[in-house]
Amino acid sequence: MTGFALEATEAGGFALSWEIRTVNHRYLDVSLRLPEAFRFLEGDLRNRVGGAVKRGKVDCILQCRRQAGGVGEIKVNQALVQSVIRAADGIQGLMAQPAPYSALDVLRWPGVLGEAENEPESLRQPIENLLDQALAALVTARAREGRQLAEQIQSRCVLMRQQAEAAKIRLPQVLQGLRERLVARLAEFSVNADPGRLEQELVFLAQKLDVAEELDRLAEHLDEVERVLRAKEPIGRRLDFLMQELNREANTLGSKSADTETTRASVEMKVLIEQMREQVQNIE
């Protein structure tokens, strides 16, 4: 299911932000993009994402920047300072008139001064809390979209029932039409059919074309789809399976059809099923 969330906060002189995007995927596929200093958090963060999202391709991006105008603690490279001083003293000993140098001259040497790196562990809690907030916002957005998808699937279930009812009502007319065509064909060949034999053939055809069982199973599958839509747990994979079952019954209905109206109903059902299948791919 598609979704987007962006949350930001400030902690320890840093601006933190989490951006989460999700797109459709058959299974859960989590991708984390973290600054190198926070790679040690990847396992815990991945588990947090998996606890909130069960299906979809999830891209999570963490940004960590020092706040504008913020100044970190000054760090002096003591080893380098000592090396610079020893080198300066050595050079001065070789000079006839050495010029004096000050501490500021040493501090200007490249690499002597730097800002102390912020301890990544100190930002663990703010980063994890912010991720939880972003995941909560994402779940809320996905739930809102899920309700809309459920309504669309529900409306197609109603249309499926209408097509199934039309096929069921049409069945006696189909059998009557078969009888009339068979009698007319026998009359063309001037054949006096044995009434008993004729009835046997009609019963055989009726059994061959009987779709009552398929229509009953179709109704049961639609009942299950509507029940699953009301469930609180992840339902995407169960709906995938139900779409396969619905399609199987619709195909059987079409293969047994001896009437254009029944064939049309089968085709309409398969169109509705395909529309639902596309929507189901978006559901967790």
C-alpha atoms as a PDB file:
ATOM      1  CA  MET A   1       0.000   0.000   0.000  1.00  0.00           C
ATOM      2  CA  THR A   2       1.292   3.440  -0.837  1.00  0.00           C
ATOM      3  CA  GLY A   3       1.995   5.859   1.967  1.00  0.00           C
ATOM      4  CA  PHE A   4       4.224   8.725   3.092  1.00  0.00           C
ATOM      5  CA  ALA A   5       5.277  10.179   6.428  1.00  0.00           C
ATOM      6  CA  LEU A   6       7.773  12.856   7.443  1.00  0.00           C
ATOM      7  CA  GLU A   7       8.643  13.685  11.047  1.00  0.00           C
ATOM      8  CA  ALA A   8      11.375  15.986  12.383  1.00  0.00           C
ATOM      9  CA  THR A   9      12.756  17.029  15.764  1.00  0.00           C
ATOM     10  CA  GLU A  10      15.832  18.561  17.424  1.00  0.00           C
ATOM     11  CA  ALA A  11      18.082  16.766  19.874  1.00  0.00           C
ATOM     12  CA  GLY A  12      21.602  17.303  21.200  1.00  0.00           C
ATOM     13  CA  GLY A  13      22.245  20.250  18.890  1.00  0.00           C
ATOM     14  CA  PHE A  14      21.185  18.259  15.827  1.00  0.00           C
ATOM     15  CA  ALA A  15      18.185  18.410  13.515  1.00  0.00           C
ATOM     16  CA  LEU A  16      16.787  14.907  12.981  1.00  0.00           C
ATOM     17  CA  SER A  17      14.221  13.830  10.418  1.00  0.00           C
ATOM     18  CA  TRP A  18      12.689  10.562   9.259  1.00  0.00           C
ATOM     19  CA  GLU A  19      11.117  10.241   5.807  1.00  0.00           C
ATOM     20  CA  ILE A  20       9.185   7.041   5.092  1.00  0.00           C
ATOM     21  CA  ARG A  21       7.698   6.022   1.742  1.00  0.00           C
ATOM     22  CA  THR A  22       5.836   2.819   0.961  1.00  0.00           C
ATOM     23  CA  VAL A  23       4.715   1.324  -2.327  1.00  0.00           C
ATOM     24  CA  ASN A  24       2.971  -1.914  -3.240  1.00  0.00           C
ATOM     25  CA  HIS A  25       4.863  -5.158  -2.771  1.00  0.00           C
ATOM     26  CA  ARG A  26       3.776  -8.735  -2.289  1.00  0.00           C
ATOM     27  CA  TYR A  27       5.878  -9.112   0.860  1.00  0.00           C
ATOM     28  CA  LEU A  28       7.622  -6.783   3.324  1.00  0.00           C
ATOM     29  CA  ASP A  29      10.811  -5.236   1.933  1.00  0.00           C
ATOM     30  CA  VAL A  30      12.448  -2.669   4.231  1.00  0.00           C
ATOM     31  CA  SER A  31      15.236  -0.388   2.981  1.00  0.00           C
ATOM     32  CA  LEU A  32      17.044   1.817   5.531  1.00  0.00           C
ATOM     33  CA  ARG A  33      19.254   4.750   4.530  1.00  0.00           C
ATOM     34  CA  LEU A  34      21.262   5.876   7.561  1.00  0.00           C
ATOM     35  CA  PRO A  35      24.277   8.142   8.118  1.00  0.00           C
ATOM     36  CA  GLU A  36      27.369   5.984   8.561  1.00  0.00           C
ATOM     37  CA  ALA A  37      27.656   6.880  12.265  1.00  0.00           C
ATOM     38  CA  PHE A  38      24.254   5.308  12.950  1.00  0.00           C
ATOM     39  CA  ARG A  39      24.697   2.001  11.138  1.00  0.00           C
ATOM     40  CA  PHE A  40      24.883   0.243  14.503  1.00  0.00           C
ATOM     41  CA  LEU A  41      21.156   1.026  14.963  1.00  0.00           C
ATOM     42  CA  GLU A  42      20.056  -0.701  11.760  1.00  0.00           C
ATOM     43  CA  GLY A  43      18.923  -3.980  13.336  1.00  0.00           C
ATOM     44  CA  ASP A  44      16.766  -2.317  15.995  1.00  0.00           C
ATOM     45  CA  LEU A  45      15.312   0.181  13.544  1.00  0.00           C
ATOM     46  CA  ARG A  46      14.452  -2.556  11.044  1.00  0.00           C
ATOM     47  CA  ASN A  47      12.592  -4.460  13.775  1.00  0.00           C
ATOM     48  CA  ARG A  48      10.600  -1.344  14.642  1.00  0.00           C
ATOM     49  CA  VAL A  49       9.537  -0.912  11.027  1.00  0.00           C
ATOM     50  CA  GLY A  50       8.578  -4.584  10.784  1.00  0.00           C
ATOM     51  CA  GLY A  51       6.470  -4.245  13.927  1.00  0.00           C
ATOM     52  CA  ALA A  52       4.387  -1.462  12.359  1.00  0.00           C
ATOM     53  CA  VAL A  53       4.228  -2.492   8.677  1.00  0.00           C
ATOM     54  CA  LYS A  54       3.565  -6.045   7.503  1.00  0.00           C
ATOM     55  CA  ARG A  55       3.492  -5.657   3.722  1.00  0.00           C
ATOM     56  CA  GLY A  56       4.914  -3.354   1.079  1.00  0.00           C
ATOM     57  CA  LYS A  57       8.243  -1.913  -0.025  1.00  0.00           C
ATOM     58  CA  VAL A  58       9.268   0.517   2.705  1.00  0.00           C
ATOM     59  CA  ASP A  59      12.009   3.122   2.194  1.00  0.00           C
ATOM     60  CA  CYS A  60      13.158   4.867   5.384  1.00  0.00           C
ATOM     61  CA  ILE A  61      15.603   7.776   5.257  1.00  0.00           C
ATOM     62  CA  LEU A  62      17.214   9.291   8.352  1.00  0.00           C
ATOM     63  CA  GLN A  63      18.730  12.776   8.110  1.00  0.00           C
ATOM     64  CA  CYS A  64      20.977  14.125  10.901  1.00  0.00           C
ATOM     65  CA  ARG A  65      22.379  17.653  10.588  1.00  0.00           C
ATOM     66  CA  ARG A  66      23.923  20.039  13.067  1.00  0.00           C
ATOM     67  CA  GLN A  67      21.533  22.867  13.742  1.00  0.00           C
ATOM     68  CA  ALA A  68      22.207  26.160  11.987  1.00  0.00           C
ATOM     69  CA  GLY A  69      24.438  28.351  14.131  1.00  0.00           C
ATOM     70  CA  GLY A  70      25.232  25.497  16.457  1.00  0.00           C
ATOM     71  CA  VAL A  71      28.834  25.149  17.562  1.00  0.00           C
ATOM     72  CA  GLY A  72      30.211  21.897  18.783  1.00  0.00           C
ATOM     73  CA  GLU A  73      32.827  21.420  21.475  1.00  0.00           C
ATOM     74  CA  ILE A  74      36.330  22.288  20.240  1.00  0.00           C
ATOM     75  CA  LYS A  75      38.618  19.296  20.023  1.00  0.00           C
ATOM     76  CA  VAL A  76      42.429  19.716  19.896  1.00  0.00           C
ATOM     77  CA  ASN A  77      44.544  17.030  18.283  1.00  0.00           C
ATOM     78  CA  GLN A  78      47.168  16.845  21.036  1.00  0.00           C
ATOM     79  CA  ALA A  79      49.452  14.434  19.198  1.00  0.00           C
ATOM     80  CA  LEU A  80      49.512  16.662  16.138  1.00  0.00           C
ATOM     81  CA  VAL A  81      50.190  19.748  18.311  1.00  0.00           C
ATOM     82  CA  GLN A  82      53.240  18.096  19.814  1.00  0.00           C
ATOM     83  CA  SER A  83      54.505  17.096  16.371  1.00  0.00           C
ATOM     84  CA  VAL A  84      54.042  20.639  15.060  1.00  0.00           C
ATOM     85  CA  ILE A  85      55.880  22.144  18.045  1.00  0.00           C
ATOM     86  CA  ARG A  86      58.798  19.715  17.737  1.00  0.00           C
ATOM     87  CA  ALA A  87      59.052  20.417  14.023  1.00  0.00           C
ATOM     88  CA  ALA A  88      58.916  24.193  14.604  1.00  0.00           C
ATOM     89  CA  ASP A  89      61.594  24.042  17.310  1.00  0.00           C
ATOM     90  CA  GLY A  90      63.814  21.926  15.086  1.00  0.00           C
ATOM     91  CA  ILE A  91      63.522  24.360  12.211  1.00  0.00           C
ATOM     92  CA  GLN A  92      64.179  27.351  14.471  1.00  0.00           C
ATOM     93  CA  GLY A  93      67.438  25.731  15.615  1.00  0.00           C
ATOM     94  CA  LEU A  94      68.639  25.774  12.013  1.00  0.00           C
ATOM     95  CA  MET A  95      67.752  29.429  11.436  1.00  0.00           C
ATOM     96  CA  ALA A  96      70.092  32.368  12.158  1.00  0.00           C
ATOM     97  CA  GLN A  97      67.265  34.674  13.182  1.00  0.00           C
ATOM     98  CA  PRO A  98      64.200  32.545  13.951  1.00  0.00           C
ATOM     99  CA  ALA A  99      60.875  34.313  14.299  1.00  0.00           C
ATOM    100  CA  PRO A 100      58.838  33.591  17.412  1.00  0.00           C
ATOM    101  CA  TYR A 101      55.565  31.666  17.073  1.00  0.00           C
ATOM    102  CA  SER A 102      52.538  31.640  19.329  1.00  0.00           C
ATOM    103  CA  ALA A 103      49.945  29.112  20.394  1.00  0.00           C
ATOM    104  CA  LEU A 104      47.541  30.620  17.860  1.00  0.00           C
ATOM    105  CA  ASP A 105      50.076  29.873  15.116  1.00  0.00           C
ATOM    106  CA  VAL A 106      50.050  26.221  16.172  1.00  0.00           C
ATOM    107  CA  LEU A 107      46.235  26.137  16.316  1.00  0.00           C
ATOM    108  CA  ARG A 108      46.074  27.366  12.718  1.00  0.00           C
ATOM    109  CA  TRP A 109      47.915  24.275  11.505  1.00  0.00           C
ATOM    110  CA  PRO A 110      45.528  22.117   9.412  1.00  0.00           C
ATOM    111  CA  GLY A 111      44.019  19.313  11.441  1.00  0.00           C
ATOM    112  CA  VAL A 112      44.957  20.662  14.870  1.00  0.00           C
ATOM    113  CA  LEU A 113      41.472  22.001  15.581  1.00  0.00           C
ATOM    114  CA  GLY A 114      38.185  20.201  15.019  1.00  0.00           C
ATOM    115  CA  GLU A 115      34.760  19.781  16.505  1.00  0.00           C
ATOM    116  CA  ALA A 116      34.264  16.829  18.783  1.00  0.00           C
ATOM    117  CA  GLU A 117      32.006  14.310  17.145  1.00  0.00           C
ATOM    118  CA  ASN A 118      28.703  13.883  18.896  1.00  0.00           C
ATOM    119  CA  GLU A 119      28.453  10.467  20.513  1.00  0.00           C
ATOM    120  CA  PRO A 120      25.975   8.573  18.251  1.00  0.00           C
ATOM    121  CA  GLU A 121      24.674   6.542  21.195  1.00  0.00           C
ATOM    122  CA  SER A 122      23.358   9.732  22.801  1.00  0.00           C
ATOM    123  CA  LEU A 123      20.997  10.200  19.845  1.00  0.00           C
ATOM    124  CA  ARG A 124      19.660   6.626  19.861  1.00  0.00           C
ATOM    125  CA  GLN A 125      16.550   7.413  21.896  1.00  0.00           C
ATOM    126  CA  PRO A 126      15.536  10.549  19.942  1.00  0.00           C
ATOM    127  CA  ILE A 127      16.069   8.691  16.651  1.00  0.00           C
ATOM    128  CA  GLU A 128      13.989   5.700  17.753  1.00  0.00           C
ATOM    129  CA  ASN A 129      11.225   7.865  19.212  1.00  0.00           C
ATOM    130  CA  LEU A 130      11.055   9.920  16.038  1.00  0.00           C
ATOM    131  CA  LEU A 131      10.871   6.755  13.926  1.00  0.00           C
ATOM    132  CA  ASP A 132       7.949   5.536  16.031  1.00  0.00           C
ATOM    133  CA  GLN A 133       6.158   8.840  15.422  1.00  0.00           C
ATOM    134  CA  ALA A 134       6.756   8.599  11.678  1.00  0.00           C
ATOM    135  CA  LEU A 135       5.543   4.989  11.604  1.00  0.00           C
ATOM    136  CA  ALA A 136       2.400   5.945  13.532  1.00  0.00           C
ATOM    137  CA  ALA A 137       1.673   8.718  11.002  1.00  0.00           C
ATOM    138  CA  LEU A 138       2.320   6.274   8.157  1.00  0.00           C
ATOM    139  CA  VAL A 139      -0.022   3.655   9.620  1.00  0.00           C
ATOM    140  CA  THR A 140      -2.744   6.283  10.048  1.00  0.00           C
ATOM    141  CA  ALA A 141      -2.408   7.364   6.415  1.00  0.00           C
ATOM    142  CA  ARG A 142      -2.417   3.768   5.198  1.00  0.00           C
ATOM    143  CA  ALA A 143      -5.469   2.969   7.329  1.00  0.00           C
ATOM    144  CA  ARG A 144      -7.327   5.885   5.764  1.00  0.00           C
ATOM    145  CA  GLU A 145      -6.438   4.644   2.295  1.00  0.00           C
ATOM    146  CA  GLY A 146      -7.356   1.103   3.358  1.00  0.00           C
ATOM    147  CA  ARG A 147     -10.861   2.161   4.309  1.00  0.00           C
ATOM    148  CA  GLN A 148     -11.331   3.695   0.881  1.00  0.00           C
ATOM    149  CA  LEU A 149     -10.078   0.523  -0.805  1.00  0.00           C
ATOM    150  CA  ALA A 150     -12.388  -1.600   1.358  1.00  0.00           C
ATOM    151  CA  GLU A 151     -15.361   0.476   0.230  1.00  0.00           C
ATOM    152  CA  GLN A 152     -14.387   0.000  -3.407  1.00  0.00           C
ATOM    153  CA  ILE A 153     -14.002  -3.767  -2.985  1.00  0.00           C
ATOM    154  CA  GLN A 154     -17.309  -3.923  -1.101  1.00  0.00           C
ATOM    155  CA  SER A 155     -19.103  -2.144  -3.949  1.00  0.00           C
ATOM    156  CA  ARG A 156     -17.702  -4.658  -6.434  1.00  0.00           C
ATOM    157  CA  CYS A 157     -18.858  -7.537  -4.238  1.00  0.00           C
ATOM    158  CA  VAL A 158     -22.374  -6.123  -4.500  1.00  0.00           C
ATOM    159  CA  LEU A 159     -22.076  -6.039  -8.304  1.00  0.00           C
ATOM    160  CA  MET A 160     -20.752  -9.612  -8.276  1.00  0.00           C
ATOM    161  CA  ARG A 161     -23.819 -10.758  -6.334  1.00  0.00           C
ATOM    162  CA  GLN A 162     -26.073  -9.059  -8.834  1.00  0.00           C
ATOM    163  CA  GLN A 163     -24.400 -10.889 -11.718  1.00  0.00           C
ATOM    164  CA  ALA A 164     -24.621 -14.214  -9.860  1.00  0.00           C
ATOM    165  CA  GLU A 165     -28.313 -13.671  -9.130  1.00  0.00           C
ATOM    166  CA  ALA A 166     -28.948 -12.836 -12.780  1.00  0.00           C
ATOM    167  CA  ALA A 167     -27.235 -16.081 -13.832  1.00  0.00           C
ATOM    168  CA  LYS A 168     -29.272 -18.102 -11.323  1.00  0.00           C
ATOM    169  CA  ILE A 169     -32.571 -16.602 -12.478  1.00  0.00           C
ATOM    170  CA  ARG A 170     -31.600 -17.202 -16.073  1.00  0.00           C
ATOM    171  CA  LEU A 171     -30.924 -20.949 -15.614  1.00  0.00           C
ATOM    172  CA  PRO A 172     -34.564 -22.232 -16.028  1.00  0.00           C
ATOM    173  CA  GLN A 173     -34.898 -20.177 -19.211  1.00  0.00           C
ATOM    174  CA  VAL A 174     -31.642 -21.646 -20.497  1.00  0.00           C
ATOM    175  CA  LEU A 175     -32.903 -25.201 -19.920  1.00  0.00           C
ATOM    176  CA  GLN A 176     -36.228 -24.394 -21.576  1.00  0.00           C
ATOM    177  CA  GLY A 177     -34.388 -22.978 -24.550  1.00  0.00           C
ATOM    178  CA  LEU A 178     -32.312 -26.157 -24.804  1.00  0.00           C
ATOM    179  CA  ARG A 179     -35.465 -28.251 -24.826  1.00  0.00           C
ATOM    180  CA  GLU A 180     -37.015 -26.156 -27.583  1.00  0.00           C
ATOM    181  CA  ARG A 181     -33.858 -26.252 -29.708  1.00  0.00           C
ATOM    182  CA  LEU A 182     -33.494 -29.998 -29.305  1.00  0.00           C
ATOM    183  CA  VAL A 183     -37.132 -30.626 -30.262  1.00  0.00           C
ATOM    184  CA  ALA A 184     -36.807 -28.278 -33.235  1.00  0.00           C
ATOM    185  CA  ARG A 185     -33.643 -30.051 -34.416  1.00  0.00           C
ATOM    186  CA  LEU A 186     -35.331 -33.438 -34.220  1.00  0.00           C
ATOM    187  CA  ALA A 187     -38.266 -32.048 -36.166  1.00  0.00           C
ATOM    188  CA  GLU A 188     -35.906 -30.866 -38.928  1.00  0.00           C
ATOM    189  CA  PHE A 189     -34.788 -34.443 -39.439  1.00  0.00           C
ATOM    190  CA  SER A 190     -38.353 -35.795 -39.195  1.00  0.00           C
ATOM    191  CA  VAL A 191     -37.377 -37.950 -36.234  1.00  0.00           C
ATOM    192  CA  ASN A 192     -39.996 -39.082 -33.772  1.00  0.00           C
ATOM    193  CA  ALA A 193     -38.064 -39.020 -30.544  1.00  0.00           C
ATOM    194  CA  ASP A 194     -38.945 -41.285 -27.692  1.00  0.00           C
ATOM    195  CA  PRO A 195     -40.258 -38.994 -24.938  1.00  0.00           C
ATOM    196  CA  GLY A 196     -38.381 -40.939 -22.289  1.00  0.00           C
ATOM    197  CA  ARG A 197     -35.129 -40.769 -24.228  1.00  0.00           C
ATOM    198  CA  LEU A 198     -35.680 -37.054 -24.819  1.00  0.00           C
ATOM    199  CA  GLU A 199     -36.133 -36.438 -21.124  1.00  0.00           C
ATOM    200  CA  GLN A 200     -32.970 -38.396 -20.359  1.00  0.00           C
ATOM    201  CA  GLU A 201     -30.965 -36.211 -22.745  1.00  0.00           C
ATOM    202  CA  LEU A 202     -32.423 -33.079 -21.235  1.00  0.00           C
ATOM    203  CA  VAL A 203     -31.570 -34.270 -17.726  1.00  0.00           C
ATOM    204  CA  PHE A 204     -28.021 -35.024 -18.883  1.00  0.00           C
ATOM    205  CA  LEU A 205     -27.696 -31.560 -20.393  1.00  0.00           C
ATOM    206  CA  ALA A 206     -29.201 -29.963 -17.296  1.00  0.00           C
ATOM    207  CA  GLN A 207     -26.624 -31.716 -15.090  1.00  0.00           C
ATOM    208  CA  LYS A 208     -23.818 -30.733 -17.430  1.00  0.00           C
ATOM    209  CA  LEU A 209     -24.878 -27.090 -17.436  1.00  0.00           C
ATOM    210  CA  ASP A 210     -25.932 -26.858 -13.793  1.00  0.00           C
ATOM    211  CA  VAL A 211     -24.015 -23.994 -12.182  1.00  0.00           C
ATOM    212  CA  ALA A 212     -25.922 -23.865  -8.898  1.00  0.00           C
ATOM    213  CA  GLU A 213     -22.956 -25.308  -7.003  1.00  0.00           C
ATOM    214  CA  GLU A 214     -20.567 -22.765  -8.511  1.00  0.00           C
ATOM    215  CA  LEU A 215     -22.968 -19.924  -7.697  1.00  0.00           C
ATOM    216  CA  ASP A 216     -23.297 -21.139  -4.112  1.00  0.00           C
ATOM    217  CA  ARG A 217     -19.522 -21.290  -3.674  1.00  0.00           C
ATOM    218  CA  LEU A 218     -19.205 -17.865  -5.277  1.00  0.00           C
ATOM    219  CA  ALA A 219     -21.669 -16.458  -2.730  1.00  0.00           C
ATOM    220  CA  GLU A 220     -19.701 -18.085   0.098  1.00  0.00           C
ATOM    221  CA  HIS A 221     -16.440 -16.578  -1.155  1.00  0.00           C
ATOM    222  CA  LEU A 222     -18.074 -13.147  -1.368  1.00  0.00           C
ATOM    223  CA  ASP A 223     -19.318 -13.550   2.212  1.00  0.00           C
ATOM    224  CA  GLU A 224     -15.750 -14.367   3.259  1.00  0.00           C
ATOM    225  CA  VAL A 225     -14.342 -11.342   1.407  1.00  0.00           C
ATOM    226  CA  GLU A 226     -16.749  -9.063   3.257  1.00  0.00           C
ATOM    227  CA  ARG A 227     -15.924 -10.735   6.586  1.00  0.00           C
ATOM    228  CA  VAL A 228     -12.172 -10.362   5.986  1.00  0.00           C
ATOM    229  CA  LEU A 229     -12.595  -6.695   5.099  1.00  0.00           C
ATOM    230  CA  ARG A 230     -13.934  -6.134   8.617  1.00  0.00           C
ATOM    231  CA  ALA A 231     -10.977  -7.861  10.283  1.00  0.00           C
ATOM    232  CA  LYS A 232      -8.400  -5.866  12.217  1.00  0.00           C
ATOM    233  CA  GLU A 233      -5.315  -7.935  11.367  1.00  0.00           C
ATOM    234  CA  PRO A 234      -3.412  -7.823   8.024  1.00  0.00           C
ATOM    235  CA  ILE A 235      -5.688  -9.272   5.327  1.00  0.00           C
ATOM    236  CA  GLY A 236      -3.894  -8.769   2.012  1.00  0.00           C
ATOM    237  CA  ARG A 237      -2.721 -12.348   1.479  1.00  0.00           C
ATOM    238  CA  ARG A 238      -6.081 -13.852   2.476  1.00  0.00           C
ATOM    239  CA  LEU A 239      -7.799 -11.578  -0.020  1.00  0.00           C
ATOM    240  CA  ASP A 240      -5.285 -12.677  -2.666  1.00  0.00           C
ATOM    241  CA  PHE A 241      -6.392 -16.268  -2.128  1.00  0.00           C
ATOM    242  CA  LEU A 242     -10.098 -15.367  -2.209  1.00  0.00           C
ATOM    243  CA  MET A 243      -9.646 -13.547  -5.520  1.00  0.00           C
ATOM    244  CA  GLN A 244      -8.193 -16.759  -6.979  1.00  0.00           C
ATOM    245  CA  GLU A 245     -11.197 -18.742  -5.731  1.00  0.00           C
ATOM    246  CA  LEU A 246     -13.671 -16.221  -7.119  1.00  0.00           C
ATOM    247  CA  ASN A 247     -11.932 -16.290 -10.474  1.00  0.00           C
ATOM    248  CA  ARG A 248     -12.070 -20.096 -10.541  1.00  0.00           C
ATOM    249  CA  GLU A 249     -15.856 -20.092 -10.035  1.00  0.00           C
ATOM    250  CA  ALA A 250     -16.372 -17.361 -12.627  1.00  0.00           C
ATOM    251  CA  ASN A 251     -14.321 -19.344 -15.164  1.00  0.00           C
ATOM    252  CA  THR A 252     -16.353 -22.495 -14.487  1.00  0.00           C
ATOM    253  CA  LEU A 253     -19.563 -20.534 -14.899  1.00  0.00           C
ATOM    254  CA  GLY A 254     -18.356 -19.317 -18.282  1.00  0.00           C
ATOM    255  CA  SER A 255     -17.243 -22.776 -19.440  1.00  0.00           C
ATOM    256  CA  LYS A 256     -20.664 -24.269 -18.586  1.00  0.00           C
ATOM    257  CA  SER A 257     -22.588 -21.446 -20.174  1.00  0.00           C
ATOM    258  CA  ALA A 258     -24.956 -22.297 -23.036  1.00  0.00           C
ATOM    259  CA  ASP A 259     -26.455 -18.834 -23.131  1.00  0.00           C
ATOM    260  CA  THR A 260     -25.095 -15.435 -24.134  1.00  0.00           C
ATOM    261  CA  GLU A 261     -26.521 -13.744 -21.043  1.00  0.00           C
ATOM    262  CA  THR A 262     -24.828 -16.225 -18.724  1.00  0.00           C
ATOM    263  CA  THR A 263     -21.568 -15.831 -20.649  1.00  0.00           C
ATOM    264  CA  ARG A 264     -21.881 -12.074 -20.314  1.00  0.00           C
ATOM    265  CA  ALA A 265     -22.435 -12.432 -16.564  1.00  0.00           C
ATOM    266  CA  SER A 266     -19.295 -14.571 -16.322  1.00  0.00           C
ATOM    267  CA  VAL A 267     -17.269 -11.980 -18.229  1.00  0.00           C
ATOM    268  CA  GLU A 268     -18.575  -9.160 -16.034  1.00  0.00           C
ATOM    269  CA  MET A 269     -17.644 -11.135 -12.942  1.00  0.00           C
ATOM    270  CA  LYS A 270     -14.094 -11.673 -14.172  1.00  0.00           C
ATOM    271  CA  VAL A 271     -13.760  -7.954 -14.913  1.00  0.00           C
ATOM    272  CA  LEU A 272     -14.914  -7.123 -11.374  1.00  0.00           C
ATOM    273  CA  ILE A 273     -12.579  -9.740  -9.900  1.00  0.00           C
ATOM    274  CA  GLU A 274      -9.625  -8.302 -11.797  1.00  0.00           C
ATOM    275  CA  GLN A 275     -10.489  -4.828 -10.514  1.00  0.00           C
ATOM    276  CA  MET A 276     -10.623  -6.170  -6.967  1.00  0.00           C
ATOM    277  CA  ARG A 277      -7.373  -8.059  -7.455  1.00  0.00           C
ATOM    278  CA  GLU A 278      -5.620  -4.804  -8.401  1.00  0.00           C
ATOM    279  CA  GLN A 279      -6.965  -3.131  -5.271  1.00  0.00           C
ATOM    280  CA  VAL A 280      -6.010  -6.101  -3.076  1.00  0.00           C
ATOM    281  CA  GLN A 281      -2.365  -5.646  -4.087  1.00  0.00           C
ATOM    282  CA  ASN A 282      -2.538  -2.323  -2.203  1.00  0.00           C
ATOM    283  CA  ILE A 283      -3.849  -3.841   1.019  1.00  0.00           C
ATOM    284  CA  GLU A 284      -1.652  -4.972   3.865  1.00  0.00           C
END
